[in-house]
């Protein structure tokens, strides 16, 4: 995973955040979520993700009417293939169940990922 200098696009996206993105950002910024630093509209390889916590390798995507299941599926396969976890929420979840969304994110942040099994022939 590399962070590319698509900063001009990311900067524009930050300036034109949706209401749902702004509401969630107000709850993630300034290390309010378990003391973890989140970034918004962050370029990662050929994609710009809505929110990312690099320490936890966690991406949060908010989906509204502009999202396509096919494109999002390809993007998720690529990102998860590079060791990132992607959580997706619909915009209406932010408006109707912010506490539930925040709890889902919090649980992902505090629960360590499952250990990957050792490759065959290593360990006992």
PDB file of N, CA and C in Angstrom:
ATOM      1  N   UNK A   1       0.843  -1.171   0.000  1.00  0.00           N
ATOM      2  CA  UNK A   1       0.000   0.000   0.000  1.00  0.00           C
ATOM      3  C   UNK A   1       0.887   1.232   0.000  1.00  0.00           C
ATOM      4  N   UNK A   2       0.601   2.125  -0.893  1.00  0.00           N
ATOM      5  CA  UNK A   2       1.329   3.387  -0.914  1.00  0.00           C
ATOM      6  C   UNK A   2       0.327   4.531  -0.942  1.00  0.00           C
ATOM      7  N   UNK A   3       0.711   5.571  -0.294  1.00  0.00           N
ATOM      8  CA  UNK A   3      -0.108   6.768  -0.337  1.00  0.00           C
ATOM      9  C   UNK A   3       0.438   7.622  -1.466  1.00  0.00           C
ATOM     10  N   UNK A   4      -0.402   7.860  -2.480  1.00  0.00           N
ATOM     11  CA  UNK A   4       0.029   8.619  -3.648  1.00  0.00           C
ATOM     12  C   UNK A   4      -0.305  10.092  -3.489  1.00  0.00           C
ATOM     13  N   UNK A   5       0.433  10.910  -4.223  1.00  0.00           N
ATOM     14  CA  UNK A   5       0.199  12.348  -4.117  1.00  0.00           C
ATOM     15  C   UNK A   5      -0.986  12.828  -4.957  1.00  0.00           C
ATOM     16  N   UNK A   6      -2.163  12.206  -4.792  1.00  0.00           N
ATOM     17  CA  UNK A   6      -3.389  12.693  -5.432  1.00  0.00           C
ATOM     18  C   UNK A   6      -4.030  13.726  -4.524  1.00  0.00           C
ATOM     19  N   UNK A   7      -3.198  14.523  -3.900  1.00  0.00           N
ATOM     20  CA  UNK A   7      -3.692  15.406  -2.859  1.00  0.00           C
ATOM     21  C   UNK A   7      -4.626  16.477  -3.394  1.00  0.00           C
ATOM     22  N   UNK A   8      -4.439  16.898  -4.637  1.00  0.00           N
ATOM     23  CA  UNK A   8      -5.325  17.946  -5.157  1.00  0.00           C
ATOM     24  C   UNK A   8      -6.765  17.435  -5.274  1.00  0.00           C
ATOM     25  N   UNK A   9      -6.945  16.185  -5.663  1.00  0.00           N
ATOM     26  CA  UNK A   9      -8.296  15.611  -5.737  1.00  0.00           C
ATOM     27  C   UNK A   9      -8.841  15.416  -4.325  1.00  0.00           C
ATOM     28  N   UNK A  10      -8.018  14.867  -3.450  1.00  0.00           N
ATOM     29  CA  UNK A  10      -8.445  14.636  -2.067  1.00  0.00           C
ATOM     30  C   UNK A  10      -8.814  15.955  -1.387  1.00  0.00           C
ATOM     31  N   UNK A  11      -8.047  16.996  -1.656  1.00  0.00           N
ATOM     32  CA  UNK A  11      -8.323  18.308  -1.065  1.00  0.00           C
ATOM     33  C   UNK A  11      -9.688  18.825  -1.520  1.00  0.00           C
ATOM     34  N   UNK A  12      -9.996  18.655  -2.792  1.00  0.00           N
ATOM     35  CA  UNK A  12     -11.307  19.061  -3.310  1.00  0.00           C
ATOM     36  C   UNK A  12     -12.428  18.268  -2.649  1.00  0.00           C
ATOM     37  N   UNK A  13     -12.213  16.956  -2.487  1.00  0.00           N
ATOM     38  CA  UNK A  13     -13.222  16.128  -1.840  1.00  0.00           C
ATOM     39  C   UNK A  13     -13.442  16.549  -0.391  1.00  0.00           C
ATOM     40  N   UNK A  14     -12.354  16.930   0.291  1.00  0.00           N
ATOM     41  CA  UNK A  14     -12.494  17.397   1.673  1.00  0.00           C
ATOM     42  C   UNK A  14     -13.306  18.698   1.720  1.00  0.00           C
ATOM     43  N   UNK A  15     -13.080  19.591   0.759  1.00  0.00           N
ATOM     44  CA  UNK A  15     -13.816  20.857   0.709  1.00  0.00           C
ATOM     45  C   UNK A  15     -15.298  20.637   0.434  1.00  0.00           C
ATOM     46  N   UNK A  16     -15.612  19.574  -0.307  1.00  0.00           N
ATOM     47  CA  UNK A  16     -16.992  19.313  -0.729  1.00  0.00           C
ATOM     48  C   UNK A  16     -17.568  18.072  -0.057  1.00  0.00           C
ATOM     49  N   UNK A  17     -17.279  17.904   1.209  1.00  0.00           N
ATOM     50  CA  UNK A  17     -17.772  16.742   1.943  1.00  0.00           C
ATOM     51  C   UNK A  17     -19.295  16.713   1.958  1.00  0.00           C
ATOM     52  N   UNK A  18     -19.831  15.502   1.965  1.00  0.00           N
ATOM     53  CA  UNK A  18     -21.279  15.360   2.123  1.00  0.00           C
ATOM     54  C   UNK A  18     -21.623  15.633   3.590  1.00  0.00           C
ATOM     55  N   UNK A  19     -22.889  15.822   3.849  1.00  0.00           N
ATOM     56  CA  UNK A  19     -23.329  16.053   5.230  1.00  0.00           C
ATOM     57  C   UNK A  19     -22.983  14.834   6.087  1.00  0.00           C
ATOM     58  N   UNK A  20     -23.218  13.634   5.554  1.00  0.00           N
ATOM     59  CA  UNK A  20     -22.912  12.414   6.309  1.00  0.00           C
ATOM     60  C   UNK A  20     -21.420  12.335   6.625  1.00  0.00           C
ATOM     61  N   UNK A  21     -20.561  12.647   5.650  1.00  0.00           N
ATOM     62  CA  UNK A  21     -19.114  12.624   5.886  1.00  0.00           C
ATOM     63  C   UNK A  21     -18.726  13.630   6.958  1.00  0.00           C
ATOM     64  N   UNK A  22     -19.311  14.822   6.897  1.00  0.00           N
ATOM     65  CA  UNK A  22     -18.987  15.859   7.896  1.00  0.00           C
ATOM     66  C   UNK A  22     -19.409  15.434   9.293  1.00  0.00           C
ATOM     67  N   UNK A  23     -20.588  14.839   9.393  1.00  0.00           N
ATOM     68  CA  UNK A  23     -21.062  14.390  10.708  1.00  0.00           C
ATOM     69  C   UNK A  23     -20.151  13.311  11.293  1.00  0.00           C
ATOM     70  N   UNK A  24     -19.773  12.337  10.465  1.00  0.00           N
ATOM     71  CA  UNK A  24     -18.894  11.276  10.970  1.00  0.00           C
ATOM     72  C   UNK A  24     -17.506  11.829  11.272  1.00  0.00           C
ATOM     73  N   UNK A  25     -16.995  12.699  10.426  1.00  0.00           N
ATOM     74  CA  UNK A  25     -15.676  13.277  10.650  1.00  0.00           C
ATOM     75  C   UNK A  25     -15.634  14.013  11.988  1.00  0.00           C
ATOM     76  N   UNK A  26     -16.713  14.700  12.340  1.00  0.00           N
ATOM     77  CA  UNK A  26     -16.758  15.408  13.626  1.00  0.00           C
ATOM     78  C   UNK A  26     -16.633  14.458  14.808  1.00  0.00           C
ATOM     79  N   UNK A  27     -16.926  13.187  14.613  1.00  0.00           N
ATOM     80  CA  UNK A  27     -16.830  12.195  15.690  1.00  0.00           C
ATOM     81  C   UNK A  27     -15.519  11.398  15.644  1.00  0.00           C
ATOM     82  N   UNK A  28     -14.806  11.441  14.510  1.00  0.00           N
ATOM     83  CA  UNK A  28     -13.552  10.682  14.374  1.00  0.00           C
ATOM     84  C   UNK A  28     -12.314  11.560  14.539  1.00  0.00           C
ATOM     85  N   UNK A  29     -12.440  12.819  14.218  1.00  0.00           N
ATOM     86  CA  UNK A  29     -11.269  13.704  14.203  1.00  0.00           C
ATOM     87  C   UNK A  29     -10.723  13.922  15.606  1.00  0.00           C
ATOM     88  N   UNK A  30      -9.516  14.421  15.663  1.00  0.00           N
ATOM     89  CA  UNK A  30      -8.857  14.773  16.922  1.00  0.00           C
ATOM     90  C   UNK A  30      -8.744  13.597  17.888  1.00  0.00           C
ATOM     91  N   UNK A  31      -8.558  12.411  17.324  1.00  0.00           N
ATOM     92  CA  UNK A  31      -8.321  11.188  18.099  1.00  0.00           C
ATOM     93  C   UNK A  31      -9.444  10.891  19.102  1.00  0.00           C
ATOM     94  N   UNK A  32     -10.676  11.208  18.729  1.00  0.00           N
ATOM     95  CA  UNK A  32     -11.814  10.945  19.617  1.00  0.00           C
ATOM     96  C   UNK A  32     -12.173   9.465  19.679  1.00  0.00           C
ATOM     97  N   UNK A  33     -11.794   8.692  18.664  1.00  0.00           N
ATOM     98  CA  UNK A  33     -12.123   7.272  18.622  1.00  0.00           C
ATOM     99  C   UNK A  33     -10.945   6.473  19.178  1.00  0.00           C
ATOM    100  N   UNK A  34     -11.051   6.099  20.439  1.00  0.00           N
ATOM    101  CA  UNK A  34     -10.039   5.254  21.093  1.00  0.00           C
ATOM    102  C   UNK A  34      -8.627   5.824  20.977  1.00  0.00           C
ATOM    103  N   UNK A  35      -8.507   7.145  20.873  1.00  0.00           N
ATOM    104  CA  UNK A  35      -7.198   7.788  20.781  1.00  0.00           C
ATOM    105  C   UNK A  35      -6.475   7.564  19.462  1.00  0.00           C
ATOM    106  N   UNK A  36      -7.192   7.097  18.453  1.00  0.00           N
ATOM    107  CA  UNK A  36      -6.579   6.784  17.156  1.00  0.00           C
ATOM    108  C   UNK A  36      -6.725   7.938  16.178  1.00  0.00           C
ATOM    109  N   UNK A  37      -5.710   8.106  15.354  1.00  0.00           N
ATOM    110  CA  UNK A  37      -5.738   9.170  14.349  1.00  0.00           C
ATOM    111  C   UNK A  37      -6.408   8.654  13.080  1.00  0.00           C
ATOM    112  N   UNK A  38      -7.445   9.340  12.655  1.00  0.00           N
ATOM    113  CA  UNK A  38      -8.108   9.072  11.388  1.00  0.00           C
ATOM    114  C   UNK A  38      -7.800  10.212  10.431  1.00  0.00           C
ATOM    115  N   UNK A  39      -7.704   9.879   9.165  1.00  0.00           N
ATOM    116  CA  UNK A  39      -7.549  10.867   8.104  1.00  0.00           C
ATOM    117  C   UNK A  39      -8.760  10.751   7.201  1.00  0.00           C
ATOM    118  N   UNK A  40      -9.121  11.842   6.548  1.00  0.00           N
ATOM    119  CA  UNK A  40     -10.267  11.785   5.641  1.00  0.00           C
ATOM    120  C   UNK A  40      -9.837  12.088   4.218  1.00  0.00           C
ATOM    121  N   UNK A  41     -10.573  11.507   3.282  1.00  0.00           N
ATOM    122  CA  UNK A  41     -10.290  11.663   1.850  1.00  0.00           C
ATOM    123  C   UNK A  41      -8.792  11.461   1.589  1.00  0.00           C
ATOM    124  N   UNK A  42      -8.326  10.287   1.947  1.00  0.00           N
ATOM    125  CA  UNK A  42      -6.904   9.946   1.884  1.00  0.00           C
ATOM    126  C   UNK A  42      -6.604   9.128   0.634  1.00  0.00           C
ATOM    127  N   UNK A  43      -5.657   9.585  -0.213  1.00  0.00           N
ATOM    128  CA  UNK A  43      -5.262   8.771  -1.377  1.00  0.00           C
ATOM    129  C   UNK A  43      -4.496   7.524  -0.925  1.00  0.00           C
ATOM    130  N   UNK A  44      -4.929   6.371  -1.410  1.00  0.00           N
ATOM    131  CA  UNK A  44      -4.217   5.110  -1.198  1.00  0.00           C
ATOM    132  C   UNK A  44      -4.161   4.422  -2.551  1.00  0.00           C
ATOM    133  N   UNK A  45      -2.957   4.291  -3.072  1.00  0.00           N
ATOM    134  CA  UNK A  45      -2.742   3.768  -4.414  1.00  0.00           C
ATOM    135  C   UNK A  45      -3.634   4.527  -5.393  1.00  0.00           C
ATOM    136  N   UNK A  46      -4.467   3.850  -6.158  1.00  0.00           N
ATOM    137  CA  UNK A  46      -5.293   4.533  -7.163  1.00  0.00           C
ATOM    138  C   UNK A  46      -6.652   4.968  -6.633  1.00  0.00           C
ATOM    139  N   UNK A  47      -6.861   4.858  -5.347  1.00  0.00           N
ATOM    140  CA  UNK A  47      -8.157   5.169  -4.761  1.00  0.00           C
ATOM    141  C   UNK A  47      -8.024   6.306  -3.754  1.00  0.00           C
ATOM    142  N   UNK A  48      -9.138   6.962  -3.510  1.00  0.00           N
ATOM    143  CA  UNK A  48      -9.211   7.919  -2.408  1.00  0.00           C
ATOM    144  C   UNK A  48     -10.297   7.397  -1.490  1.00  0.00           C
ATOM    145  N   UNK A  49      -9.916   7.089  -0.263  1.00  0.00           N
ATOM    146  CA  UNK A  49     -10.865   6.513   0.697  1.00  0.00           C
ATOM    147  C   UNK A  49     -11.455   7.624   1.553  1.00  0.00           C
ATOM    148  N   UNK A  50     -12.676   7.398   2.032  1.00  0.00           N
ATOM    149  CA  UNK A  50     -13.354   8.424   2.831  1.00  0.00           C
ATOM    150  C   UNK A  50     -12.611   8.689   4.135  1.00  0.00           C
ATOM    151  N   UNK A  51     -12.353   7.631   4.897  1.00  0.00           N
ATOM    152  CA  UNK A  51     -11.645   7.760   6.179  1.00  0.00           C
ATOM    153  C   UNK A  51     -10.700   6.572   6.327  1.00  0.00           C
ATOM    154  N   UNK A  52      -9.550   6.811   6.954  1.00  0.00           N
ATOM    155  CA  UNK A  52      -8.621   5.721   7.199  1.00  0.00           C
ATOM    156  C   UNK A  52      -7.891   5.949   8.515  1.00  0.00           C
ATOM    157  N   UNK A  53      -7.711   4.860   9.250  1.00  0.00           N
ATOM    158  CA  UNK A  53      -6.830   4.834  10.412  1.00  0.00           C
ATOM    159  C   UNK A  53      -5.679   3.927  10.004  1.00  0.00           C
ATOM    160  N   UNK A  54      -4.533   4.516   9.684  1.00  0.00           N
ATOM    161  CA  UNK A  54      -3.404   3.729   9.201  1.00  0.00           C
ATOM    162  C   UNK A  54      -2.881   2.780  10.267  1.00  0.00           C
ATOM    163  N   UNK A  55      -2.921   3.212  11.522  1.00  0.00           N
ATOM    164  CA  UNK A  55      -2.426   2.366  12.616  1.00  0.00           C
ATOM    165  C   UNK A  55      -3.192   1.044  12.692  1.00  0.00           C
ATOM    166  N   UNK A  56      -4.501   1.105  12.505  1.00  0.00           N
ATOM    167  CA  UNK A  56      -5.334  -0.099  12.562  1.00  0.00           C
ATOM    168  C   UNK A  56      -5.610  -0.694  11.181  1.00  0.00           C
ATOM    169  N   UNK A  57      -5.083  -0.040  10.148  1.00  0.00           N
ATOM    170  CA  UNK A  57      -5.290  -0.484   8.759  1.00  0.00           C
ATOM    171  C   UNK A  57      -6.789  -0.619   8.469  1.00  0.00           C
ATOM    172  N   UNK A  58      -7.537   0.374   8.927  1.00  0.00           N
ATOM    173  CA  UNK A  58      -8.993   0.372   8.838  1.00  0.00           C
ATOM    174  C   UNK A  58      -9.479   1.511   7.952  1.00  0.00           C
ATOM    175  N   UNK A  59     -10.293   1.166   6.975  1.00  0.00           N
ATOM    176  CA  UNK A  59     -10.900   2.138   6.080  1.00  0.00           C
ATOM    177  C   UNK A  59     -12.395   2.165   6.361  1.00  0.00           C
ATOM    178  N   UNK A  60     -12.956   3.368   6.378  1.00  0.00           N
ATOM    179  CA  UNK A  60     -14.397   3.534   6.537  1.00  0.00           C
ATOM    180  C   UNK A  60     -14.901   4.258   5.300  1.00  0.00           C
ATOM    181  N   UNK A  61     -15.880   3.654   4.653  1.00  0.00           N
ATOM    182  CA  UNK A  61     -16.487   4.230   3.458  1.00  0.00           C
ATOM    183  C   UNK A  61     -17.952   4.515   3.727  1.00  0.00           C
ATOM    184  N   UNK A  62     -18.405   5.690   3.311  1.00  0.00           N
ATOM    185  CA  UNK A  62     -19.813   6.045   3.390  1.00  0.00           C
ATOM    186  C   UNK A  62     -20.387   5.983   1.986  1.00  0.00           C
ATOM    187  N   UNK A  63     -21.496   5.300   1.865  1.00  0.00           N
ATOM    188  CA  UNK A  63     -22.100   5.092   0.556  1.00  0.00           C
ATOM    189  C   UNK A  63     -23.432   5.809   0.452  1.00  0.00           C
ATOM    190  N   UNK A  64     -23.544   6.579  -0.594  1.00  0.00           N
ATOM    191  CA  UNK A  64     -24.809   7.231  -0.923  1.00  0.00           C
ATOM    192  C   UNK A  64     -25.231   6.749  -2.292  1.00  0.00           C
ATOM    193  N   UNK A  65     -26.035   7.510  -2.972  1.00  0.00           N
ATOM    194  CA  UNK A  65     -26.543   7.136  -4.285  1.00  0.00           C
ATOM    195  C   UNK A  65     -25.482   7.066  -5.374  1.00  0.00           C
ATOM    196  N   UNK A  66     -24.318   7.686  -5.154  1.00  0.00           N
ATOM    197  CA  UNK A  66     -23.299   7.742  -6.192  1.00  0.00           C
ATOM    198  C   UNK A  66     -22.454   6.482  -6.284  1.00  0.00           C
ATOM    199  N   UNK A  67     -22.635   5.549  -5.376  1.00  0.00           N
ATOM    200  CA  UNK A  67     -21.778   4.366  -5.347  1.00  0.00           C
ATOM    201  C   UNK A  67     -22.348   3.236  -6.196  1.00  0.00           C
ATOM    202  N   UNK A  68     -21.427   2.464  -6.757  1.00  0.00           N
ATOM    203  CA  UNK A  68     -21.785   1.315  -7.584  1.00  0.00           C
ATOM    204  C   UNK A  68     -21.234   0.056  -6.931  1.00  0.00           C
ATOM    205  N   UNK A  69     -22.064  -0.961  -6.802  1.00  0.00           N
ATOM    206  CA  UNK A  69     -21.637  -2.211  -6.172  1.00  0.00           C
ATOM    207  C   UNK A  69     -20.460  -2.833  -6.902  1.00  0.00           C
ATOM    208  N   UNK A  70     -20.450  -2.758  -8.233  1.00  0.00           N
ATOM    209  CA  UNK A  70     -19.346  -3.346  -9.002  1.00  0.00           C
ATOM    210  C   UNK A  70     -18.032  -2.629  -8.725  1.00  0.00           C
ATOM    211  N   UNK A  71     -18.052  -1.316  -8.800  1.00  0.00           N
ATOM    212  CA  UNK A  71     -16.829  -0.534  -8.575  1.00  0.00           C
ATOM    213  C   UNK A  71     -16.378  -0.677  -7.131  1.00  0.00           C
ATOM    214  N   UNK A  72     -17.322  -0.575  -6.187  1.00  0.00           N
ATOM    215  CA  UNK A  72     -16.973  -0.723  -4.773  1.00  0.00           C
ATOM    216  C   UNK A  72     -16.422  -2.111  -4.491  1.00  0.00           C
ATOM    217  N   UNK A  73     -16.967  -3.131  -5.132  1.00  0.00           N
ATOM    218  CA  UNK A  73     -16.477  -4.498  -4.940  1.00  0.00           C
ATOM    219  C   UNK A  73     -15.035  -4.646  -5.393  1.00  0.00           C
ATOM    220  N   UNK A  74     -14.711  -4.111  -6.562  1.00  0.00           N
ATOM    221  CA  UNK A  74     -13.327  -4.159  -7.063  1.00  0.00           C
ATOM    222  C   UNK A  74     -12.393  -3.428  -6.105  1.00  0.00           C
ATOM    223  N   UNK A  75     -12.826  -2.271  -5.673  1.00  0.00           N
ATOM    224  CA  UNK A  75     -12.034  -1.444  -4.763  1.00  0.00           C
ATOM    225  C   UNK A  75     -11.793  -2.182  -3.448  1.00  0.00           C
ATOM    226  N   UNK A  76     -12.842  -2.792  -2.892  1.00  0.00           N
ATOM    227  CA  UNK A  76     -12.705  -3.526  -1.638  1.00  0.00           C
ATOM    228  C   UNK A  76     -11.779  -4.717  -1.779  1.00  0.00           C
ATOM    229  N   UNK A  77     -11.873  -5.437  -2.882  1.00  0.00           N
ATOM    230  CA  UNK A  77     -10.987  -6.584  -3.121  1.00  0.00           C
ATOM    231  C   UNK A  77      -9.537  -6.109  -3.154  1.00  0.00           C
ATOM    232  N   UNK A  78      -9.285  -5.019  -3.852  1.00  0.00           N
ATOM    233  CA  UNK A  78      -7.928  -4.485  -3.939  1.00  0.00           C
ATOM    234  C   UNK A  78      -7.419  -4.067  -2.555  1.00  0.00           C
ATOM    235  N   UNK A  79      -8.229  -3.298  -1.826  1.00  0.00           N
ATOM    236  CA  UNK A  79      -7.788  -2.781  -0.527  1.00  0.00           C
ATOM    237  C   UNK A  79      -7.603  -3.900   0.493  1.00  0.00           C
ATOM    238  N   UNK A  80      -8.544  -4.839   0.553  1.00  0.00           N
ATOM    239  CA  UNK A  80      -8.398  -5.943   1.504  1.00  0.00           C
ATOM    240  C   UNK A  80      -7.238  -6.849   1.106  1.00  0.00           C
ATOM    241  N   UNK A  81      -6.991  -6.961  -0.193  1.00  0.00           N
ATOM    242  CA  UNK A  81      -5.842  -7.735  -0.663  1.00  0.00           C
ATOM    243  C   UNK A  81      -4.518  -7.122  -0.250  1.00  0.00           C
ATOM    244  N   UNK A  82      -4.558  -5.856   0.119  1.00  0.00           N
ATOM    245  CA  UNK A  82      -3.362  -5.161   0.589  1.00  0.00           C
ATOM    246  C   UNK A  82      -3.376  -4.983   2.111  1.00  0.00           C
ATOM    247  N   UNK A  83      -4.140  -5.840   2.779  1.00  0.00           N
ATOM    248  CA  UNK A  83      -4.090  -5.886   4.234  1.00  0.00           C
ATOM    249  C   UNK A  83      -4.922  -4.847   4.953  1.00  0.00           C
ATOM    250  N   UNK A  84      -5.869  -4.222   4.267  1.00  0.00           N
ATOM    251  CA  UNK A  84      -6.723  -3.222   4.897  1.00  0.00           C
ATOM    252  C   UNK A  84      -8.113  -3.797   5.144  1.00  0.00           C
ATOM    253  N   UNK A  85      -8.740  -3.380   6.206  1.00  0.00           N
ATOM    254  CA  UNK A  85     -10.117  -3.777   6.510  1.00  0.00           C
ATOM    255  C   UNK A  85     -11.021  -2.630   6.075  1.00  0.00           C
ATOM    256  N   UNK A  86     -12.098  -2.939   5.356  1.00  0.00           N
ATOM    257  CA  UNK A  86     -13.020  -1.914   4.877  1.00  0.00           C
ATOM    258  C   UNK A  86     -14.372  -2.087   5.564  1.00  0.00           C
ATOM    259  N   UNK A  87     -14.820  -1.027   6.225  1.00  0.00           N
ATOM    260  CA  UNK A  87     -16.170  -0.980   6.785  1.00  0.00           C
ATOM    261  C   UNK A  87     -16.983  -0.029   5.916  1.00  0.00           C
ATOM    262  N   UNK A  88     -18.176  -0.458   5.517  1.00  0.00           N
ATOM    263  CA  UNK A  88     -19.056   0.385   4.699  1.00  0.00           C
ATOM    264  C   UNK A  88     -20.344   0.667   5.450  1.00  0.00           C
ATOM    265  N   UNK A  89     -20.758   1.917   5.368  1.00  0.00           N
ATOM    266  CA  UNK A  89     -22.014   2.334   5.960  1.00  0.00           C
ATOM    267  C   UNK A  89     -22.777   3.158   4.930  1.00  0.00           C
ATOM    268  N   UNK A  90     -24.093   3.023   4.933  1.00  0.00           N
ATOM    269  CA  UNK A  90     -24.932   3.872   4.106  1.00  0.00           C
ATOM    270  C   UNK A  90     -25.065   5.220   4.797  1.00  0.00           C
ATOM    271  N   UNK A  91     -25.204   6.272   4.009  1.00  0.00           N
ATOM    272  CA  UNK A  91     -25.374   7.615   4.576  1.00  0.00           C
ATOM    273  C   UNK A  91     -26.522   7.654   5.587  1.00  0.00           C
ATOM    274  N   UNK A  92     -27.630   6.981   5.285  1.00  0.00           N
ATOM    275  CA  UNK A  92     -28.774   7.040   6.199  1.00  0.00           C
ATOM    276  C   UNK A  92     -28.448   6.421   7.559  1.00  0.00           C
ATOM    277  N   UNK A  93     -27.469   5.511   7.625  1.00  0.00           N
ATOM    278  CA  UNK A  93     -27.061   4.960   8.925  1.00  0.00           C
ATOM    279  C   UNK A  93     -26.435   6.051   9.797  1.00  0.00           C
ATOM    280  N   UNK A  94     -25.713   6.961   9.160  1.00  0.00           N
ATOM    281  CA  UNK A  94     -25.094   8.068   9.894  1.00  0.00           C
ATOM    282  C   UNK A  94     -26.188   8.947  10.495  1.00  0.00           C
ATOM    283  N   UNK A  95     -27.230   9.228   9.702  1.00  0.00           N
ATOM    284  CA  UNK A  95     -28.312  10.104  10.159  1.00  0.00           C
ATOM    285  C   UNK A  95     -29.212   9.431  11.186  1.00  0.00           C
ATOM    286  N   UNK A  96     -29.460   8.139  11.017  1.00  0.00           N
ATOM    287  CA  UNK A  96     -30.454   7.454  11.838  1.00  0.00           C
ATOM    288  C   UNK A  96     -29.876   6.643  12.998  1.00  0.00           C
ATOM    289  N   UNK A  97     -28.584   6.283  12.913  1.00  0.00           N
ATOM    290  CA  UNK A  97     -28.010   5.404  13.929  1.00  0.00           C
ATOM    291  C   UNK A  97     -26.516   5.698  14.136  1.00  0.00           C
ATOM    292  N   UNK A  98     -26.202   6.952  14.386  1.00  0.00           N
ATOM    293  CA  UNK A  98     -24.796   7.340  14.557  1.00  0.00           C
ATOM    294  C   UNK A  98     -24.139   6.547  15.679  1.00  0.00           C
ATOM    295  N   UNK A  99     -24.835   6.342  16.789  1.00  0.00           N
ATOM    296  CA  UNK A  99     -24.238   5.607  17.910  1.00  0.00           C
ATOM    297  C   UNK A  99     -23.900   4.174  17.510  1.00  0.00           C
ATOM    298  N   UNK A 100     -24.761   3.538  16.738  1.00  0.00           N
ATOM    299  CA  UNK A 100     -24.488   2.181  16.264  1.00  0.00           C
ATOM    300  C   UNK A 100     -23.291   2.135  15.327  1.00  0.00           C
ATOM    301  N   UNK A 101     -23.184   3.119  14.440  1.00  0.00           N
ATOM    302  CA  UNK A 101     -22.039   3.204  13.524  1.00  0.00           C
ATOM    303  C   UNK A 101     -20.751   3.389  14.325  1.00  0.00           C
ATOM    304  N   UNK A 102     -20.777   4.306  15.269  1.00  0.00           N
ATOM    305  CA  UNK A 102     -19.586   4.563  16.085  1.00  0.00           C
ATOM    306  C   UNK A 102     -19.191   3.342  16.908  1.00  0.00           C
ATOM    307  N   UNK A 103     -20.166   2.607  17.407  1.00  0.00           N
ATOM    308  CA  UNK A 103     -19.858   1.407  18.181  1.00  0.00           C
ATOM    309  C   UNK A 103     -19.236   0.331  17.288  1.00  0.00           C
ATOM    310  N   UNK A 104     -19.733   0.186  16.072  1.00  0.00           N
ATOM    311  CA  UNK A 104     -19.148  -0.778  15.128  1.00  0.00           C
ATOM    312  C   UNK A 104     -17.697  -0.416  14.838  1.00  0.00           C
ATOM    313  N   UNK A 105     -17.434   0.858  14.604  1.00  0.00           N
ATOM    314  CA  UNK A 105     -16.061   1.317  14.340  1.00  0.00           C
ATOM    315  C   UNK A 105     -15.201   1.093  15.575  1.00  0.00           C
ATOM    316  N   UNK A 106     -15.728   1.453  16.742  1.00  0.00           N
ATOM    317  CA  UNK A 106     -14.974   1.283  17.995  1.00  0.00           C
ATOM    318  C   UNK A 106     -14.594  -0.173  18.224  1.00  0.00           C
ATOM    319  N   UNK A 107     -15.550  -1.077  18.016  1.00  0.00           N
ATOM    320  CA  UNK A 107     -15.269  -2.502  18.218  1.00  0.00           C
ATOM    321  C   UNK A 107     -14.186  -2.984  17.261  1.00  0.00           C
ATOM    322  N   UNK A 108     -14.200  -2.489  16.047  1.00  0.00           N
ATOM    323  CA  UNK A 108     -13.167  -2.867  15.076  1.00  0.00           C
ATOM    324  C   UNK A 108     -11.804  -2.334  15.521  1.00  0.00           C
ATOM    325  N   UNK A 109     -11.803  -1.172  16.157  1.00  0.00           N
ATOM    326  CA  UNK A 109     -10.545  -0.562  16.605  1.00  0.00           C
ATOM    327  C   UNK A 109      -9.962  -1.253  17.827  1.00  0.00           C
ATOM    328  N   UNK A 110     -10.811  -1.737  18.728  1.00  0.00           N
ATOM    329  CA  UNK A 110     -10.277  -2.313  19.968  1.00  0.00           C
ATOM    330  C   UNK A 110     -10.056  -3.811  19.884  1.00  0.00           C
ATOM    331  N   UNK A 111     -10.722  -4.493  18.968  1.00  0.00           N
ATOM    332  CA  UNK A 111     -10.538  -5.937  18.833  1.00  0.00           C
ATOM    333  C   UNK A 111      -9.397  -6.214  17.876  1.00  0.00           C
ATOM    334  N   UNK A 112      -8.392  -6.921  18.329  1.00  0.00           N
ATOM    335  CA  UNK A 112      -7.276  -7.234  17.426  1.00  0.00           C
ATOM    336  C   UNK A 112      -7.754  -8.166  16.317  1.00  0.00           C
ATOM    337  N   UNK A 113      -7.143  -8.050  15.134  1.00  0.00           N
ATOM    338  CA  UNK A 113      -7.519  -8.951  14.048  1.00  0.00           C
ATOM    339  C   UNK A 113      -7.123 -10.382  14.393  1.00  0.00           C
ATOM    340  N   UNK A 114      -7.830 -11.374  13.841  1.00  0.00           N
ATOM    341  CA  UNK A 114      -7.449 -12.761  14.119  1.00  0.00           C
ATOM    342  C   UNK A 114      -6.052 -13.039  13.585  1.00  0.00           C
ATOM    343  N   UNK A 115      -5.348 -13.903  14.281  1.00  0.00           N
ATOM    344  CA  UNK A 115      -3.992 -14.260  13.843  1.00  0.00           C
ATOM    345  C   UNK A 115      -4.076 -15.085  12.565  1.00  0.00           C
ATOM    346  N   UNK A 116      -3.213 -14.755  11.633  1.00  0.00           N
ATOM    347  CA  UNK A 116      -3.153 -15.541  10.404  1.00  0.00           C
ATOM    348  C   UNK A 116      -2.399 -16.831  10.699  1.00  0.00           C
ATOM    349  N   UNK A 117      -2.853 -17.944  10.129  1.00  0.00           N
ATOM    350  CA  UNK A 117      -2.118 -19.179  10.369  1.00  0.00           C
ATOM    351  C   UNK A 117      -0.733 -19.117   9.732  1.00  0.00           C
ATOM    352  N   UNK A 118       0.206 -19.815  10.340  1.00  0.00           N
ATOM    353  CA  UNK A 118       1.550 -19.871   9.776  1.00  0.00           C
ATOM    354  C   UNK A 118       1.510 -20.640   8.461  1.00  0.00           C
ATOM    355  N   UNK A 119       2.364 -20.241   7.520  1.00  0.00           N
ATOM    356  CA  UNK A 119       2.440 -21.018   6.280  1.00  0.00           C
ATOM    357  C   UNK A 119       2.817 -22.462   6.576  1.00  0.00           C
ATOM    358  N   UNK A 120       2.396 -23.340   5.729  1.00  0.00           N
ATOM    359  CA  UNK A 120       2.646 -24.769   5.882  1.00  0.00           C
ATOM    360  C   UNK A 120       4.127 -25.034   6.090  1.00  0.00           C
ATOM    361  N   UNK A 121       4.440 -25.829   7.099  1.00  0.00           N
ATOM    362  CA  UNK A 121       5.838 -26.188   7.368  1.00  0.00           C
ATOM    363  C   UNK A 121       6.525 -25.276   8.381  1.00  0.00           C
ATOM    364  N   UNK A 122       5.860 -24.184   8.795  1.00  0.00           N
ATOM    365  CA  UNK A 122       6.454 -23.302   9.792  1.00  0.00           C
ATOM    366  C   UNK A 122       5.735 -23.481  11.114  1.00  0.00           C
ATOM    367  N   UNK A 123       6.464 -23.379  12.172  1.00  0.00           N
ATOM    368  CA  UNK A 123       5.859 -23.535  13.497  1.00  0.00           C
ATOM    369  C   UNK A 123       5.698 -25.010  13.834  1.00  0.00           C
ATOM    370  N   UNK A 124       4.926 -25.310  14.848  1.00  0.00           N
ATOM    371  CA  UNK A 124       4.699 -26.704  15.271  1.00  0.00           C
ATOM    372  C   UNK A 124       3.283 -27.091  15.101  1.00  0.00           C
TER     373      UNK A 124
END
